[in-house]
Protein backbone atom coordinates (compact mmCIF):
# COMPACT_ATOMS: atom_id res chain seq x y z
CA UNK A 1 121.48 45.27 90.12
CA UNK A 2 122.47 42.12 88.24
CA UNK A 3 119.56 40.99 86.01
CA UNK A 4 120.89 37.43 85.94
CA UNK A 5 120.77 37.14 89.73
CA UNK A 6 117.00 36.70 89.63
CA UNK A 7 114.79 35.76 92.53
CA UNK A 8 115.89 33.30 95.22
CA UNK A 9 115.34 29.57 94.98
CA UNK A 10 111.70 28.51 94.62
CA UNK A 11 110.75 25.09 95.98
CA UNK A 12 107.86 22.62 95.72
CA UNK A 13 107.47 19.30 97.56
CA UNK A 14 105.47 16.71 95.62
CA UNK A 15 104.18 13.15 95.26
CA UNK A 16 102.94 11.23 92.21
CA UNK A 17 99.41 12.78 92.18
CA UNK A 18 101.05 16.23 92.23
CA UNK A 19 102.82 15.90 88.84
CA UNK A 20 100.37 18.32 87.11
CA UNK A 21 101.22 20.91 89.79
CA UNK A 22 104.94 20.20 89.27
CA UNK A 23 104.60 20.97 85.55
CA UNK A 24 102.57 24.12 86.26
CA UNK A 25 105.12 25.33 88.83
CA UNK A 26 108.01 24.65 86.43
CA UNK A 27 106.25 26.39 83.52
CA UNK A 28 105.58 29.54 85.53
CA UNK A 29 109.20 29.83 86.59
CA UNK A 30 110.51 29.00 83.12
CA UNK A 31 108.42 31.79 81.57
CA UNK A 32 109.41 34.20 84.36
CA UNK A 33 113.07 33.37 83.63
CA UNK A 34 112.59 34.30 79.96
CA UNK A 35 112.67 30.90 78.28
CA UNK A 36 111.11 30.78 74.83
CA UNK A 37 107.85 28.85 74.50
CA UNK A 38 109.71 26.09 72.65
CA UNK A 39 112.20 25.88 75.51
CA UNK A 40 109.35 25.85 78.06
CA UNK A 41 107.93 22.80 76.25
CA UNK A 42 111.31 21.06 76.34
CA UNK A 43 111.70 21.91 80.03
CA UNK A 44 108.26 20.48 80.84
CA UNK A 45 109.03 17.18 79.13
CA UNK A 46 112.40 16.87 80.91
CA UNK A 47 110.98 17.88 84.29
CA UNK A 48 108.06 15.48 83.95
CA UNK A 49 110.39 12.58 83.10
CA UNK A 50 112.77 13.21 86.00
CA UNK A 51 109.99 14.05 88.50
CA UNK A 52 108.11 10.88 87.58
CA UNK A 53 111.29 8.84 88.12
CA UNK A 54 111.81 10.53 91.50
CA UNK A 55 108.39 9.63 92.91
CA UNK A 56 108.17 6.17 91.37
CA UNK A 57 111.75 4.96 92.02
CA UNK A 58 112.61 6.96 95.15
CA UNK A 59 112.12 5.13 98.44
CA UNK A 60 109.52 7.43 100.01
CA UNK A 61 107.28 8.33 97.07
CA UNK A 62 107.92 12.01 97.64
CA UNK A 63 110.38 14.44 96.11
CA UNK A 64 111.34 18.11 95.95
CA UNK A 65 111.63 20.43 92.95
CA UNK A 66 113.79 23.55 93.20
CA UNK A 67 114.32 26.24 90.56
CA UNK A 68 116.62 29.26 90.45
CA UNK A 69 118.28 31.58 87.96
CA UNK A 70 121.98 31.64 87.26
CA UNK A 71 123.68 33.82 84.65
CA UNK A 72 122.31 32.60 81.31
CA UNK A 73 120.46 29.57 82.72
CA UNK A 74 117.40 28.49 84.65
CA UNK A 75 118.46 25.64 86.93
CA UNK A 76 115.97 22.93 87.90
CA UNK A 77 116.83 20.43 90.61
CA UNK A 78 114.78 17.37 91.57
CA UNK A 79 115.68 15.49 94.73
CA UNK A 80 114.28 12.26 96.18
CA UNK A 81 115.27 10.02 99.07
CA UNK A 82 116.27 7.05 96.92
CA UNK A 83 119.81 5.94 96.17
CA UNK A 84 121.16 4.35 93.04
CA UNK A 85 124.54 3.52 91.65
CA UNK A 86 125.27 6.20 89.07
CA UNK A 87 127.57 4.58 86.51
CA UNK A 88 128.98 6.55 83.59
CA UNK A 89 126.64 9.13 82.11
CA UNK A 90 123.02 8.08 82.77
CA UNK A 91 120.79 8.69 79.78
CA UNK A 92 123.66 9.02 77.33
CA UNK A 93 122.74 5.89 75.35
CA UNK A 94 119.61 5.90 73.22
CA UNK A 95 117.00 3.31 74.15
CA UNK A 96 116.60 0.27 71.94
CA UNK A 97 113.94 0.57 69.20
CA UNK A 98 111.33 -1.49 71.06
CA UNK A 99 112.11 -0.32 74.61
CA UNK A 100 109.14 0.13 76.92
CA UNK A 101 111.06 1.93 79.69
CA UNK A 102 114.41 3.55 80.34
CA UNK A 103 113.88 6.56 78.04
CA UNK A 104 113.32 9.32 80.61
CA UNK A 105 116.91 10.26 81.38
CA UNK A 106 117.89 10.01 77.73
CA UNK A 107 115.04 12.37 76.78
CA UNK A 108 115.94 14.75 79.62
CA UNK A 109 119.60 14.79 78.54
CA UNK A 110 118.58 15.64 74.96
CA UNK A 111 116.35 18.54 76.06
CA UNK A 112 118.67 20.27 78.54
CA UNK A 113 121.82 22.35 78.28
CA UNK A 114 123.33 20.10 80.89
CA UNK A 115 122.26 17.46 83.36
CA UNK A 116 124.10 16.12 86.41
CA UNK A 117 123.36 13.30 88.84
CA UNK A 118 124.35 13.01 92.50
CA UNK A 119 123.47 10.23 94.89
CA UNK A 120 124.44 9.57 98.48
CA UNK A 121 123.11 8.94 101.96
CA UNK A 122 120.65 11.86 101.67
CA UNK A 123 119.16 10.57 98.43
CA UNK A 124 119.47 11.35 94.72
CA UNK A 125 119.51 14.70 92.96
CA UNK A 126 119.18 15.46 89.26
CA UNK A 127 120.13 18.99 88.23
CA UNK A 128 119.15 20.30 84.79
CA UNK A 129 120.10 23.57 83.08
CA UNK A 130 117.98 25.42 80.51
CA UNK A 131 119.23 28.45 78.54
CA UNK A 132 117.48 31.74 79.25
CA UNK A 133 116.93 34.34 76.54
CA UNK A 134 119.42 37.14 76.60
CA UNK A 135 117.96 40.61 77.28
CA UNK A 136 117.81 42.78 74.15
């Protein structure tokens, strides 16, 4: 049996008031996947930023979180029904020193092993990768 295969995809639908449950759900799966506690903290910050964006900027106010294991990584996907014009690499430029918004994707990019953005007629999806500990 391949230890990296892990369990199947786990999914949680959520709205803005559910963000504490989103963080709890993500933390459980991050620990189960073998992330270090420091990495769990990073994951929670990134997930909270992207999930908050999904339910505040998406068109329906609801979103979906999915997590699964891939060899070496825990993958976290957040999908909402909104559409936006993805130009360049969102979150690649640091916010200005006195910015009051626009930091979430930059923070998420800094805390992940990789982040991708897709948007289309079905909505927007942000996929983040977090390194899992290697078995000893």
